[in-house]
Amino acid sequence: MKILVDENMPYARELFSRLGEVKAVAGRPVPVEALNDADALMVRSVTKVNEALLSGKAIKFVGTATAGTDHVDQAWLQQAGIGFSAAPGCNAIAGGGICVFRAAHAGRA
């Protein structure tokens, strides 16, 4: 299996290498020629994933390392039979930490 990952995704190579060949590529934009023989695509929010990007490609799965999904045309992926997963809640701990910090420092100049 060939997995394309955004070059700015920390630890992606280590995480996915046991599943197959991992190739880091630019996410803005993804080089179209890299998609020709890839099975999976792992993106961030800077990559617009839609029919224009993936039509006629062998991609079977798209994953995004983001909580939001507005950069992914999920309806088209489903119609094309391409699996999809997002990372909802991935920023929950960081968000909670910010809230605790701000509450602890409320009222301080």
PDB file of N, CA and C in Angstrom:
ATOM      1  N   MET A   1       0.843  -1.170   0.000  1.00  0.00           N
ATOM      2  CA  MET A   1       0.000   0.000   0.000  1.00  0.00           C
ATOM      3  C   MET A   1       0.892   1.236   0.000  1.00  0.00           C
ATOM      4  N   LYS A   2       0.561   2.215  -0.825  1.00  0.00           N
ATOM      5  CA  LYS A   2       1.301   3.470  -0.864  1.00  0.00           C
ATOM      6  C   LYS A   2       0.448   4.564  -0.224  1.00  0.00           C
ATOM      7  N   ILE A   3       1.023   5.201   0.779  1.00  0.00           N
ATOM      8  CA  ILE A   3       0.307   6.219   1.547  1.00  0.00           C
ATOM      9  C   ILE A   3       1.002   7.563   1.357  1.00  0.00           C
ATOM     10  N   LEU A   4       0.260   8.547   0.863  1.00  0.00           N
ATOM     11  CA  LEU A   4       0.789   9.904   0.753  1.00  0.00           C
ATOM     12  C   LEU A   4       0.394  10.670   1.997  1.00  0.00           C
ATOM     13  N   VAL A   5       1.359  11.363   2.586  1.00  0.00           N
ATOM     14  CA  VAL A   5       1.081  12.166   3.773  1.00  0.00           C
ATOM     15  C   VAL A   5       1.572  13.589   3.544  1.00  0.00           C
ATOM     16  N   ASP A   6       0.878  14.546   4.110  1.00  0.00           N
ATOM     17  CA  ASP A   6       1.309  15.933   4.046  1.00  0.00           C
ATOM     18  C   ASP A   6       2.660  16.034   4.741  1.00  0.00           C
ATOM     19  N   GLU A   7       3.606  16.692   4.094  1.00  0.00           N
ATOM     20  CA  GLU A   7       4.962  16.801   4.642  1.00  0.00           C
ATOM     21  C   GLU A   7       5.011  17.538   5.977  1.00  0.00           C
ATOM     22  N   ASN A   8       3.955  18.241   6.329  1.00  0.00           N
ATOM     23  CA  ASN A   8       3.913  18.970   7.593  1.00  0.00           C
ATOM     24  C   ASN A   8       3.143  18.240   8.691  1.00  0.00           C
ATOM     25  N   MET A   9       2.937  16.944   8.526  1.00  0.00           N
ATOM     26  CA  MET A   9       2.282  16.144   9.560  1.00  0.00           C
ATOM     27  C   MET A   9       3.361  15.441  10.381  1.00  0.00           C
ATOM     28  N   PRO A  10       3.607  15.925  11.601  1.00  0.00           N
ATOM     29  CA  PRO A  10       4.649  15.306  12.421  1.00  0.00           C
ATOM     30  C   PRO A  10       4.341  13.834  12.704  1.00  0.00           C
ATOM     31  N   TYR A  11       5.360  13.029  12.652  1.00  0.00           N
ATOM     32  CA  TYR A  11       5.305  11.604  12.998  1.00  0.00           C
ATOM     33  C   TYR A  11       4.465  10.752  12.043  1.00  0.00           C
ATOM     34  N   ALA A  12       4.026  11.317  10.923  1.00  0.00           N
ATOM     35  CA  ALA A  12       3.200  10.543   9.990  1.00  0.00           C
ATOM     36  C   ALA A  12       3.961   9.351   9.429  1.00  0.00           C
ATOM     37  N   ARG A  13       5.217   9.548   9.072  1.00  0.00           N
ATOM     38  CA  ARG A  13       6.007   8.442   8.511  1.00  0.00           C
ATOM     39  C   ARG A  13       6.118   7.314   9.533  1.00  0.00           C
ATOM     40  N   GLU A  14       6.406   7.657  10.766  1.00  0.00           N
ATOM     41  CA  GLU A  14       6.538   6.633  11.813  1.00  0.00           C
ATOM     42  C   GLU A  14       5.204   5.922  12.065  1.00  0.00           C
ATOM     43  N   LEU A  15       4.141   6.676  12.049  1.00  0.00           N
ATOM     44  CA  LEU A  15       2.826   6.112  12.339  1.00  0.00           C
ATOM     45  C   LEU A  15       2.335   5.159  11.250  1.00  0.00           C
ATOM     46  N   PHE A  16       2.504   5.555   9.995  1.00  0.00           N
ATOM     47  CA  PHE A  16       1.924   4.783   8.896  1.00  0.00           C
ATOM     48  C   PHE A  16       2.873   3.802   8.222  1.00  0.00           C
ATOM     49  N   SER A  17       4.166   3.842   8.544  1.00  0.00           N
ATOM     50  CA  SER A  17       5.135   2.997   7.833  1.00  0.00           C
ATOM     51  C   SER A  17       4.874   1.502   8.013  1.00  0.00           C
ATOM     52  N   ARG A  18       4.265   1.093   9.081  1.00  0.00           N
ATOM     53  CA  ARG A  18       3.980  -0.337   9.259  1.00  0.00           C
ATOM     54  C   ARG A  18       2.824  -0.807   8.372  1.00  0.00           C
ATOM     55  N   LEU A  19       2.107   0.159   7.760  1.00  0.00           N
ATOM     56  CA  LEU A  19       0.998  -0.192   6.869  1.00  0.00           C
ATOM     57  C   LEU A  19       1.403  -0.266   5.408  1.00  0.00           C
ATOM     58  N   GLY A  20       2.558   0.330   5.097  1.00  0.00           N
ATOM     59  CA  GLY A  20       3.008   0.329   3.713  1.00  0.00           C
ATOM     60  C   GLY A  20       4.043   1.400   3.462  1.00  0.00           C
ATOM     61  N   GLU A  21       4.268   1.684   2.187  1.00  0.00           N
ATOM     62  CA  GLU A  21       5.230   2.708   1.783  1.00  0.00           C
ATOM     63  C   GLU A  21       4.630   4.088   2.031  1.00  0.00           C
ATOM     64  N   VAL A  22       5.371   4.933   2.727  1.00  0.00           N
ATOM     65  CA  VAL A  22       4.905   6.277   3.044  1.00  0.00           C
ATOM     66  C   VAL A  22       5.730   7.292   2.267  1.00  0.00           C
ATOM     67  N   LYS A  23       5.038   8.205   1.612  1.00  0.00           N
ATOM     68  CA  LYS A  23       5.714   9.260   0.878  1.00  0.00           C
ATOM     69  C   LYS A  23       5.164  10.600   1.330  1.00  0.00           C
ATOM     70  N   ALA A  24       6.051  11.484   1.797  1.00  0.00           N
ATOM     71  CA  ALA A  24       5.653  12.826   2.217  1.00  0.00           C
ATOM     72  C   ALA A  24       5.636  13.738   0.996  1.00  0.00           C
ATOM     73  N   VAL A  25       4.537  14.482   0.842  1.00  0.00           N
ATOM     74  CA  VAL A  25       4.373  15.391  -0.292  1.00  0.00           C
ATOM     75  C   VAL A  25       3.857  16.743   0.216  1.00  0.00           C
ATOM     76  N   ALA A  26       4.018  17.756  -0.619  1.00  0.00           N
ATOM     77  CA  ALA A  26       3.468  19.067  -0.296  1.00  0.00           C
ATOM     78  C   ALA A  26       1.949  18.952  -0.192  1.00  0.00           C
ATOM     79  N   GLY A  27       1.372  19.680   0.744  1.00  0.00           N
ATOM     80  CA  GLY A  27      -0.080  19.652   0.901  1.00  0.00           C
ATOM     81  C   GLY A  27      -0.768  20.808   0.199  1.00  0.00           C
ATOM     82  N   ARG A  28       0.015  21.745  -0.245  1.00  0.00           N
ATOM     83  CA  ARG A  28      -0.543  22.956  -0.861  1.00  0.00           C
ATOM     84  C   ARG A  28       0.199  23.292  -2.122  1.00  0.00           C
ATOM     85  N   PRO A  29      -0.148  22.808  -3.247  1.00  0.00           N
ATOM     86  CA  PRO A  29      -1.103  21.720  -3.514  1.00  0.00           C
ATOM     87  C   PRO A  29      -0.407  20.371  -3.532  1.00  0.00           C
ATOM     88  N   VAL A  30      -1.201  19.317  -3.467  1.00  0.00           N
ATOM     89  CA  VAL A  30      -0.664  17.962  -3.586  1.00  0.00           C
ATOM     90  C   VAL A  30      -0.239  17.766  -5.039  1.00  0.00           C
ATOM     91  N   PRO A  31       0.982  17.287  -5.262  1.00  0.00           N
ATOM     92  CA  PRO A  31       1.411  17.030  -6.642  1.00  0.00           C
ATOM     93  C   PRO A  31       0.539  15.939  -7.283  1.00  0.00           C
ATOM     94  N   VAL A  32      -0.159  16.281  -8.339  1.00  0.00           N
ATOM     95  CA  VAL A  32      -1.108  15.361  -8.972  1.00  0.00           C
ATOM     96  C   VAL A  32      -0.432  14.065  -9.391  1.00  0.00           C
ATOM     97  N   GLU A  33       0.809  14.151  -9.874  1.00  0.00           N
ATOM     98  CA  GLU A  33       1.496  12.935 -10.321  1.00  0.00           C
ATOM     99  C   GLU A  33       1.738  11.961  -9.167  1.00  0.00           C
ATOM    100  N   ALA A  34       1.838  12.469  -7.946  1.00  0.00           N
ATOM    101  CA  ALA A  34       2.041  11.596  -6.786  1.00  0.00           C
ATOM    102  C   ALA A  34       0.795  10.775  -6.487  1.00  0.00           C
ATOM    103  N   LEU A  35      -0.354  11.257  -6.904  1.00  0.00           N
ATOM    104  CA  LEU A  35      -1.619  10.561  -6.639  1.00  0.00           C
ATOM    105  C   LEU A  35      -1.853   9.373  -7.565  1.00  0.00           C
ATOM    106  N   ASN A  36      -1.124   9.311  -8.663  1.00  0.00           N
ATOM    107  CA  ASN A  36      -1.391   8.304  -9.688  1.00  0.00           C
ATOM    108  C   ASN A  36      -1.330   6.868  -9.183  1.00  0.00           C
ATOM    109  N   ASP A  37      -0.412   6.562  -8.288  1.00  0.00           N
ATOM    110  CA  ASP A  37      -0.286   5.183  -7.821  1.00  0.00           C
ATOM    111  C   ASP A  37      -0.431   5.062  -6.302  1.00  0.00           C
ATOM    112  N   ALA A  38      -1.067   6.049  -5.678  1.00  0.00           N
ATOM    113  CA  ALA A  38      -1.247   6.031  -4.223  1.00  0.00           C
ATOM    114  C   ALA A  38      -2.583   5.383  -3.860  1.00  0.00           C
ATOM    115  N   ASP A  39      -2.603   4.733  -2.702  1.00  0.00           N
ATOM    116  CA  ASP A  39      -3.820   4.090  -2.203  1.00  0.00           C
ATOM    117  C   ASP A  39      -4.534   4.927  -1.153  1.00  0.00           C
ATOM    118  N   ALA A  40      -3.758   5.705  -0.400  1.00  0.00           N
ATOM    119  CA  ALA A  40      -4.330   6.505   0.685  1.00  0.00           C
ATOM    120  C   ALA A  40      -3.696   7.888   0.693  1.00  0.00           C
ATOM    121  N   LEU A  41      -4.477   8.859   1.153  1.00  0.00           N
ATOM    122  CA  LEU A  41      -4.022  10.247   1.214  1.00  0.00           C
ATOM    123  C   LEU A  41      -4.353  10.809   2.582  1.00  0.00           C
ATOM    124  N   MET A  42      -3.320  11.285   3.277  1.00  0.00           N
ATOM    125  CA  MET A  42      -3.496  11.886   4.599  1.00  0.00           C
ATOM    126  C   MET A  42      -3.201  13.381   4.477  1.00  0.00           C
ATOM    127  N   VAL A  43      -4.191  14.222   4.816  1.00  0.00           N
ATOM    128  CA  VAL A  43      -4.076  15.653   4.581  1.00  0.00           C
ATOM    129  C   VAL A  43      -4.296  16.470   5.840  1.00  0.00           C
ATOM    130  N   ARG A  44      -4.038  17.771   5.682  1.00  0.00           N
ATOM    131  CA  ARG A  44      -4.377  18.770   6.693  1.00  0.00           C
ATOM    132  C   ARG A  44      -5.417  19.694   6.063  1.00  0.00           C
ATOM    133  N   SER A  45      -5.795  20.738   6.763  1.00  0.00           N
ATOM    134  CA  SER A  45      -6.872  21.606   6.273  1.00  0.00           C
ATOM    135  C   SER A  45      -6.484  22.430   5.053  1.00  0.00           C
ATOM    136  N   VAL A  46      -5.208  22.513   4.719  1.00  0.00           N
ATOM    137  CA  VAL A  46      -4.781  23.305   3.559  1.00  0.00           C
ATOM    138  C   VAL A  46      -5.046  22.605   2.230  1.00  0.00           C
ATOM    139  N   THR A  47      -5.360  21.324   2.272  1.00  0.00           N
ATOM    140  CA  THR A  47      -5.579  20.556   1.044  1.00  0.00           C
ATOM    141  C   THR A  47      -7.069  20.416   0.769  1.00  0.00           C
ATOM    142  N   LYS A  48      -7.508  20.912  -0.371  1.00  0.00           N
ATOM    143  CA  LYS A  48      -8.902  20.747  -0.789  1.00  0.00           C
ATOM    144  C   LYS A  48      -9.040  19.376  -1.440  1.00  0.00           C
ATOM    145  N   VAL A  49      -9.840  18.528  -0.824  1.00  0.00           N
ATOM    146  CA  VAL A  49     -10.027  17.159  -1.316  1.00  0.00           C
ATOM    147  C   VAL A  49     -11.400  17.087  -1.982  1.00  0.00           C
ATOM    148  N   ASN A  50     -11.390  16.863  -3.287  1.00  0.00           N
ATOM    149  CA  ASN A  50     -12.630  16.852  -4.040  1.00  0.00           C
ATOM    150  C   ASN A  50     -12.447  16.067  -5.341  1.00  0.00           C
ATOM    151  N   GLU A  51     -13.468  16.084  -6.159  1.00  0.00           N
ATOM    152  CA  GLU A  51     -13.434  15.368  -7.428  1.00  0.00           C
ATOM    153  C   GLU A  51     -12.302  15.859  -8.323  1.00  0.00           C
ATOM    154  N   ALA A  52     -12.072  17.165  -8.340  1.00  0.00           N
ATOM    155  CA  ALA A  52     -11.013  17.713  -9.192  1.00  0.00           C
ATOM    156  C   ALA A  52      -9.646  17.137  -8.831  1.00  0.00           C
ATOM    157  N   LEU A  53      -9.421  16.872  -7.558  1.00  0.00           N
ATOM    158  CA  LEU A  53      -8.138  16.330  -7.111  1.00  0.00           C
ATOM    159  C   LEU A  53      -8.034  14.824  -7.356  1.00  0.00           C
ATOM    160  N   LEU A  54      -9.109  14.097  -7.090  1.00  0.00           N
ATOM    161  CA  LEU A  54      -9.011  12.637  -7.033  1.00  0.00           C
ATOM    162  C   LEU A  54      -9.674  11.859  -8.169  1.00  0.00           C
ATOM    163  N   SER A  55     -10.419  12.508  -9.009  1.00  0.00           N
ATOM    164  CA  SER A  55     -11.103  11.786 -10.084  1.00  0.00           C
ATOM    165  C   SER A  55     -10.103  11.011 -10.947  1.00  0.00           C
ATOM    166  N   GLY A  56     -10.396   9.743 -11.153  1.00  0.00           N
ATOM    167  CA  GLY A  56      -9.541   8.894 -11.978  1.00  0.00           C
ATOM    168  C   GLY A  56      -8.313   8.359 -11.258  1.00  0.00           C
ATOM    169  N   LYS A  57      -8.178   8.643  -9.989  1.00  0.00           N
ATOM    170  CA  LYS A  57      -7.032   8.167  -9.206  1.00  0.00           C
ATOM    171  C   LYS A  57      -7.412   6.884  -8.471  1.00  0.00           C
ATOM    172  N   ALA A  58      -6.416   6.180  -7.985  1.00  0.00           N
ATOM    173  CA  ALA A  58      -6.631   4.901  -7.303  1.00  0.00           C
ATOM    174  C   ALA A  58      -6.837   5.054  -5.795  1.00  0.00           C
ATOM    175  N   ILE A  59      -6.938   6.253  -5.298  1.00  0.00           N
ATOM    176  CA  ILE A  59      -7.087   6.493  -3.862  1.00  0.00           C
ATOM    177  C   ILE A  59      -8.311   5.751  -3.332  1.00  0.00           C
ATOM    178  N   LYS A  60      -8.108   5.015  -2.242  1.00  0.00           N
ATOM    179  CA  LYS A  60      -9.187   4.250  -1.624  1.00  0.00           C
ATOM    180  C   LYS A  60      -9.595   4.823  -0.265  1.00  0.00           C
ATOM    181  N   PHE A  61      -8.716   5.689   0.298  1.00  0.00           N
ATOM    182  CA  PHE A  61      -8.994   6.245   1.620  1.00  0.00           C
ATOM    183  C   PHE A  61      -8.369   7.627   1.737  1.00  0.00           C
ATOM    184  N   VAL A  62      -9.109   8.544   2.362  1.00  0.00           N
ATOM    185  CA  VAL A  62      -8.597   9.882   2.684  1.00  0.00           C
ATOM    186  C   VAL A  62      -8.790  10.097   4.175  1.00  0.00           C
ATOM    187  N   GLY A  63      -7.731  10.553   4.835  1.00  0.00           N
ATOM    188  CA  GLY A  63      -7.816  10.914   6.241  1.00  0.00           C
ATOM    189  C   GLY A  63      -7.361  12.341   6.411  1.00  0.00           C
ATOM    190  N   THR A  64      -7.993  13.059   7.332  1.00  0.00           N
ATOM    191  CA  THR A  64      -7.559  14.411   7.623  1.00  0.00           C
ATOM    192  C   THR A  64      -7.197  14.515   9.090  1.00  0.00           C
ATOM    193  N   ALA A  65      -6.073  15.155   9.352  1.00  0.00           N
ATOM    194  CA  ALA A  65      -5.588  15.317  10.721  1.00  0.00           C
ATOM    195  C   ALA A  65      -6.161  16.594  11.315  1.00  0.00           C
ATOM    196  N   THR A  66      -7.454  16.799  11.098  1.00  0.00           N
ATOM    197  CA  THR A  66      -8.129  18.010  11.566  1.00  0.00           C
ATOM    198  C   THR A  66      -9.477  17.642  12.162  1.00  0.00           C
ATOM    199  N   ALA A  67      -9.994  18.530  12.998  1.00  0.00           N
ATOM    200  CA  ALA A  67     -11.341  18.347  13.537  1.00  0.00           C
ATOM    201  C   ALA A  67     -12.371  18.786  12.510  1.00  0.00           C
ATOM    202  N   GLY A  68     -12.061  19.851  11.777  1.00  0.00           N
ATOM    203  CA  GLY A  68     -12.978  20.358  10.758  1.00  0.00           C
ATOM    204  C   GLY A  68     -12.854  19.571   9.467  1.00  0.00           C
ATOM    205  N   THR A  69     -13.920  19.602   8.688  1.00  0.00           N
ATOM    206  CA  THR A  69     -13.922  18.829   7.443  1.00  0.00           C
ATOM    207  C   THR A  69     -14.393  19.653   6.240  1.00  0.00           C
ATOM    208  N   ASP A  70     -14.447  20.968   6.373  1.00  0.00           N
ATOM    209  CA  ASP A  70     -14.964  21.788   5.283  1.00  0.00           C
ATOM    210  C   ASP A  70     -14.063  21.787   4.049  1.00  0.00           C
ATOM    211  N   HIS A  71     -12.858  21.268   4.170  1.00  0.00           N
ATOM    212  CA  HIS A  71     -11.943  21.175   3.030  1.00  0.00           C
ATOM    213  C   HIS A  71     -12.090  19.860   2.261  1.00  0.00           C
ATOM    214  N   VAL A  72     -13.010  19.026   2.698  1.00  0.00           N
ATOM    215  CA  VAL A  72     -13.203  17.703   2.095  1.00  0.00           C
ATOM    216  C   VAL A  72     -14.635  17.574   1.580  1.00  0.00           C
ATOM    217  N   ASP A  73     -14.775  17.208   0.322  1.00  0.00           N
ATOM    218  CA  ASP A  73     -16.091  16.958  -0.263  1.00  0.00           C
ATOM    219  C   ASP A  73     -16.484  15.521   0.078  1.00  0.00           C
ATOM    220  N   GLN A  74     -17.068  15.373   1.261  1.00  0.00           N
ATOM    221  CA  GLN A  74     -17.415  14.043   1.753  1.00  0.00           C
ATOM    222  C   GLN A  74     -18.472  13.360   0.901  1.00  0.00           C
ATOM    223  N   ALA A  75     -19.403  14.124   0.367  1.00  0.00           N
ATOM    224  CA  ALA A  75     -20.446  13.536  -0.482  1.00  0.00           C
ATOM    225  C   ALA A  75     -19.821  12.905  -1.725  1.00  0.00           C
ATOM    226  N   TRP A  76     -18.864  13.607  -2.340  1.00  0.00           N
ATOM    227  CA  TRP A  76     -18.216  13.040  -3.523  1.00  0.00           C
ATOM    228  C   TRP A  76     -17.395  11.812  -3.164  1.00  0.00           C
ATOM    229  N   LEU A  77     -16.669  11.859  -2.032  1.00  0.00           N
ATOM    230  CA  LEU A  77     -15.887  10.691  -1.610  1.00  0.00           C
ATOM    231  C   LEU A  77     -16.793   9.478  -1.434  1.00  0.00           C
ATOM    232  N   GLN A  78     -17.924   9.681  -0.799  1.00  0.00           N
ATOM    233  CA  GLN A  78     -18.856   8.574  -0.585  1.00  0.00           C
ATOM    234  C   GLN A  78     -19.373   8.048  -1.918  1.00  0.00           C
ATOM    235  N   GLN A  79     -19.738   8.937  -2.808  1.00  0.00           N
ATOM    236  CA  GLN A  79     -20.226   8.544  -4.131  1.00  0.00           C
ATOM    237  C   GLN A  79     -19.159   7.761  -4.897  1.00  0.00           C
ATOM    238  N   ALA A  80     -17.893   8.155  -4.722  1.00  0.00           N
ATOM    239  CA  ALA A  80     -16.786   7.500  -5.421  1.00  0.00           C
ATOM    240  C   ALA A  80     -16.314   6.221  -4.723  1.00  0.00           C
ATOM    241  N   GLY A  81     -16.886   5.919  -3.557  1.00  0.00           N
ATOM    242  CA  GLY A  81     -16.495   4.717  -2.830  1.00  0.00           C
ATOM    243  C   GLY A  81     -15.161   4.841  -2.120  1.00  0.00           C
ATOM    244  N   ILE A  82     -14.789   6.065  -1.785  1.00  0.00           N
ATOM    245  CA  ILE A  82     -13.518   6.328  -1.101  1.00  0.00           C
ATOM    246  C   ILE A  82     -13.797   6.517   0.380  1.00  0.00           C
ATOM    247  N   GLY A  83     -13.101   5.740   1.221  1.00  0.00           N
ATOM    248  CA  GLY A  83     -13.268   5.862   2.655  1.00  0.00           C
ATOM    249  C   GLY A  83     -12.733   7.181   3.171  1.00  0.00           C
ATOM    250  N   PHE A  84     -13.277   7.631   4.296  1.00  0.00           N
ATOM    251  CA  PHE A  84     -12.869   8.924   4.860  1.00  0.00           C
ATOM    252  C   PHE A  84     -12.932   8.879   6.373  1.00  0.00           C
ATOM    253  N   SER A  85     -11.962   9.575   6.984  1.00  0.00           N
ATOM    254  CA  SER A  85     -11.966   9.739   8.436  1.00  0.00           C
ATOM    255  C   SER A  85     -11.360  11.083   8.787  1.00  0.00           C
ATOM    256  N   ALA A  86     -11.908  11.707   9.831  1.00  0.00           N
ATOM    257  CA  ALA A  86     -11.395  12.974  10.354  1.00  0.00           C
ATOM    258  C   ALA A  86     -10.957  12.739  11.795  1.00  0.00           C
ATOM    259  N   ALA A  87     -10.514  13.790  12.445  1.00  0.00           N
ATOM    260  CA  ALA A  87     -10.019  13.677  13.817  1.00  0.00           C
ATOM    261  C   ALA A  87     -10.787  14.608  14.751  1.00  0.00           C
ATOM    262  N   PRO A  88     -12.114  14.417  14.877  1.00  0.00           N
ATOM    263  CA  PRO A  88     -12.874  15.296  15.759  1.00  0.00           C
ATOM    264  C   PRO A  88     -12.380  15.185  17.198  1.00  0.00           C
ATOM    265  N   GLY A  89     -12.289  16.316  17.838  1.00  0.00           N
ATOM    266  CA  GLY A  89     -11.818  16.346  19.217  1.00  0.00           C
ATOM    267  C   GLY A  89     -10.314  16.364  19.361  1.00  0.00           C
ATOM    268  N   CYS A  90      -9.588  16.413  18.251  1.00  0.00           N
ATOM    269  CA  CYS A  90      -8.132  16.341  18.329  1.00  0.00           C
ATOM    270  C   CYS A  90      -7.511  17.528  19.055  1.00  0.00           C
ATOM    271  N   ASN A  91      -8.230  18.622  19.144  1.00  0.00           N
ATOM    272  CA  ASN A  91      -7.704  19.800  19.840  1.00  0.00           C
ATOM    273  C   ASN A  91      -8.314  19.988  21.222  1.00  0.00           C
ATOM    274  N   ALA A  92      -9.045  19.005  21.710  1.00  0.00           N
ATOM    275  CA  ALA A  92      -9.767  19.150  22.970  1.00  0.00           C
ATOM    276  C   ALA A  92      -8.850  19.413  24.156  1.00  0.00           C
ATOM    277  N   ILE A  93      -7.750  18.697  24.249  1.00  0.00           N
ATOM    278  CA  ILE A  93      -6.843  18.885  25.387  1.00  0.00           C
ATOM    279  C   ILE A  93      -6.201  20.267  25.341  1.00  0.00           C
ATOM    280  N   ALA A  94      -5.755  20.674  24.145  1.00  0.00           N
ATOM    281  CA  ALA A  94      -5.151  22.007  24.014  1.00  0.00           C
ATOM    282  C   ALA A  94      -6.170  23.088  24.334  1.00  0.00           C
ATOM    283  N   GLY A  95      -7.392  22.921  23.840  1.00  0.00           N
ATOM    284  CA  GLY A  95      -8.450  23.894  24.124  1.00  0.00           C
ATOM    285  C   GLY A  95      -8.759  23.965  25.605  1.00  0.00           C
ATOM    286  N   GLY A  96      -8.801  22.825  26.247  1.00  0.00           N
ATOM    287  CA  GLY A  96      -9.035  22.792  27.697  1.00  0.00           C
ATOM    288  C   GLY A  96      -7.915  23.482  28.465  1.00  0.00           C
ATOM    289  N   GLY A  97      -6.689  23.267  28.010  1.00  0.00           N
ATOM    290  CA  GLY A  97      -5.544  23.911  28.658  1.00  0.00           C
ATOM    291  C   GLY A  97      -5.610  25.417  28.557  1.00  0.00           C
ATOM    292  N   ILE A  98      -6.017  25.916  27.406  1.00  0.00           N
ATOM    293  CA  ILE A  98      -6.155  27.363  27.230  1.00  0.00           C
ATOM    294  C   ILE A  98      -7.223  27.912  28.166  1.00  0.00           C
ATOM    295  N   CYS A  99      -8.340  27.212  28.288  1.00  0.00           N
ATOM    296  CA  CYS A  99      -9.420  27.656  29.183  1.00  0.00           C
ATOM    297  C   CYS A  99      -8.961  27.700  30.632  1.00  0.00           C
ATOM    298  N   VAL A 100      -8.243  26.667  31.062  1.00  0.00           N
ATOM    299  CA  VAL A 100      -7.741  26.632  32.441  1.00  0.00           C
ATOM    300  C   VAL A 100      -6.750  27.774  32.671  1.00  0.00           C
ATOM    301  N   PHE A 101      -5.848  27.988  31.727  1.00  0.00           N
ATOM    302  CA  PHE A 101      -4.866  29.071  31.838  1.00  0.00           C
ATOM    303  C   PHE A 101      -5.567  30.420  31.948  1.00  0.00           C
ATOM    304  N   ARG A 102      -6.524  30.666  31.065  1.00  0.00           N
ATOM    305  CA  ARG A 102      -7.219  31.956  31.087  1.00  0.00           C
ATOM    306  C   ARG A 102      -8.025  32.137  32.366  1.00  0.00           C
ATOM    307  N   ALA A 103      -8.656  31.081  32.839  1.00  0.00           N
ATOM    308  CA  ALA A 103      -9.417  31.175  34.092  1.00  0.00           C
ATOM    309  C   ALA A 103      -8.492  31.467  35.259  1.00  0.00           C
ATOM    310  N   ALA A 104      -7.323  30.827  35.264  1.00  0.00           N
ATOM    311  CA  ALA A 104      -6.369  31.034  36.351  1.00  0.00           C
ATOM    312  C   ALA A 104      -5.795  32.443  36.342  1.00  0.00           C
ATOM    313  N   HIS A 105      -5.750  33.067  35.187  1.00  0.00           N
ATOM    314  CA  HIS A 105      -5.168  34.403  35.071  1.00  0.00           C
ATOM    315  C   HIS A 105      -6.214  35.492  34.849  1.00  0.00           C
ATOM    316  N   ALA A 106      -7.471  35.165  35.041  1.00  0.00           N
ATOM    317  CA  ALA A 106      -8.540  36.145  34.851  1.00  0.00           C
ATOM    318  C   ALA A 106      -8.382  37.294  35.859  1.00  0.00           C
ATOM    319  N   GLY A 107      -8.538  38.469  35.350  1.00  0.00           N
ATOM    320  CA  GLY A 107      -8.466  39.638  36.220  1.00  0.00           C
ATOM    321  C   GLY A 107      -7.069  40.159  36.470  1.00  0.00           C
ATOM    322  N   ARG A 108      -6.066  39.471  35.988  1.00  0.00           N
ATOM    323  CA  ARG A 108      -4.683  39.959  36.145  1.00  0.00           C
ATOM    324  C   ARG A 108      -4.341  40.872  34.985  1.00  0.00           C
ATOM    325  N   ALA A 109      -3.627  41.903  35.264  1.00  0.00           N
ATOM    326  CA  ALA A 109      -3.258  42.864  34.210  1.00  0.00           C
ATOM    327  C   ALA A 109      -2.040  42.433  33.469  1.00  0.00           C
TER     328      ALA A 109
END
